[in-house]
C-alpha atoms as a PDB file:
ATOM      1  CA  MET A   1       0.000   0.000   0.000  1.00  0.00           C
ATOM      2  CA  ARG A   2       1.349   3.400  -0.930  1.00  0.00           C
ATOM      3  CA  GLU A   3       1.724   6.128   1.651  1.00  0.00           C
ATOM      4  CA  PRO A   4      -1.077   8.372   0.306  1.00  0.00           C
ATOM      5  CA  THR A   5      -3.537   5.466   0.496  1.00  0.00           C
ATOM      6  CA  PHE A   6      -2.383   4.625   4.026  1.00  0.00           C
ATOM      7  CA  LEU A   7      -2.848   8.258   5.067  1.00  0.00           C
ATOM      8  CA  ILE A   8      -6.350   8.327   3.584  1.00  0.00           C
ATOM      9  CA  LEU A   9      -7.315   5.169   5.494  1.00  0.00           C
ATOM     10  CA  THR A  10      -5.817   6.609   8.671  1.00  0.00           C
ATOM     11  CA  ALA A  11      -7.817   9.812   8.203  1.00  0.00           C
ATOM     12  CA  LEU A  12     -10.981   7.765   7.615  1.00  0.00           C
ATOM     13  CA  ALA A  13     -10.458   5.651  10.740  1.00  0.00           C
ATOM     14  CA  SER A  14     -12.482   8.097  12.831  1.00  0.00           C
ATOM     15  CA  GLY A  15     -15.362   8.212  10.329  1.00  0.00           C
ATOM     16  CA  ARG A  16     -16.436   9.714   7.035  1.00  0.00           C
ATOM     17  CA  LYS A  17     -14.987  13.046   5.997  1.00  0.00           C
ATOM     18  CA  HIS A  18     -15.377  15.222   2.948  1.00  0.00           C
ATOM     19  CA  GLY A  19     -12.567  15.473   0.403  1.00  0.00           C
ATOM     20  CA  TYR A  20     -10.970  18.685   1.648  1.00  0.00           C
ATOM     21  CA  ALA A  21     -10.822  17.328   5.220  1.00  0.00           C
ATOM     22  CA  LEU A  22      -9.117  14.146   3.974  1.00  0.00           C
ATOM     23  CA  ILE A  23      -6.566  16.151   2.007  1.00  0.00           C
ATOM     24  CA  ALA A  24      -5.865  18.391   5.006  1.00  0.00           C
ATOM     25  CA  GLU A  25      -5.582  15.476   7.438  1.00  0.00           C
ATOM     26  CA  ALA A  26      -3.260  13.533   5.125  1.00  0.00           C
ATOM     27  CA  ALA A  27      -0.999  16.589   4.968  1.00  0.00           C
ATOM     28  CA  GLU A  28      -1.063  16.945   8.752  1.00  0.00           C
ATOM     29  CA  LEU A  29      -0.396  13.250   9.371  1.00  0.00           C
ATOM     30  CA  SER A  30       2.594  13.320   7.009  1.00  0.00           C
ATOM     31  CA  GLY A  31       4.081  16.531   8.379  1.00  0.00           C
ATOM     32  CA  ASN A  32       3.129  18.206   5.073  1.00  0.00           C
ATOM     33  CA  ARG A  33       5.271  15.780   3.056  1.00  0.00           C
ATOM     34  CA  VAL A  34       2.210  14.425   1.244  1.00  0.00           C
ATOM     35  CA  GLN A  35      -0.004  16.940  -0.519  1.00  0.00           C
ATOM     36  CA  LEU A  36      -2.850  14.971  -2.071  1.00  0.00           C
ATOM     37  CA  LYS A  37      -4.440  16.172  -5.277  1.00  0.00           C
ATOM     38  CA  VAL A  38      -8.188  15.707  -5.707  1.00  0.00           C
ATOM     39  CA  GLY A  39      -7.719  13.175  -8.507  1.00  0.00           C
ATOM     40  CA  THR A  40      -5.327  11.125  -6.385  1.00  0.00           C
ATOM     41  CA  LEU A  41      -7.725  11.168  -3.446  1.00  0.00           C
ATOM     42  CA  TYR A  42     -10.762   9.980  -5.378  1.00  0.00           C
ATOM     43  CA  ALA A  43      -8.808   7.378  -7.353  1.00  0.00           C
ATOM     44  CA  ALA A  44      -7.519   5.974  -4.058  1.00  0.00           C
ATOM     45  CA  LEU A  45     -11.025   5.959  -2.564  1.00  0.00           C
ATOM     46  CA  ASP A  46     -12.343   4.103  -5.626  1.00  0.00           C
ATOM     47  CA  ARG A  47      -9.516   1.573  -5.337  1.00  0.00           C
ATOM     48  CA  LEU A  48     -10.138   1.090  -1.601  1.00  0.00           C
ATOM     49  CA  SER A  49     -13.817   0.577  -2.283  1.00  0.00           C
ATOM     50  CA  ASP A  50     -13.118  -1.909  -5.089  1.00  0.00           C
ATOM     51  CA  GLU A  51     -10.877  -3.855  -2.683  1.00  0.00           C
ATOM     52  CA  GLY A  52     -13.577  -3.857   0.007  1.00  0.00           C
ATOM     53  CA  LEU A  53     -11.528  -1.715   2.390  1.00  0.00           C
ATOM     54  CA  TRP A  54     -13.928   1.228   2.409  1.00  0.00           C
ATOM     55  CA  PRO A  55     -17.637   1.184   1.516  1.00  0.00           C
ATOM     56  CA  ARG A  56     -18.883   3.357  -1.288  1.00  0.00           C
ATOM     57  CA  ARG A  57     -21.335   5.950  -0.188  1.00  0.00           C
ATOM     58  CA  ALA A  58     -24.832   5.191  -1.375  1.00  0.00           C
ATOM     59  CA  THR A  59     -26.085   7.535  -4.041  1.00  0.00           C
ATOM     60  CA  ARG A  60     -29.217   9.462  -3.248  1.00  0.00           C
END
């Protein structure tokens, strides 16, 4: 697992968050070494969902 994906999972451990909060928390957790881009974030979330590690949010 790559570091950005690990940081996203770590940020999600306390519950669902919106994209900006995940990006900000990943930066904080990494001491600002990792600056996620929106495309990277959502690609990682899709991958985690496909692997069964994080549930997709139901569409309304």
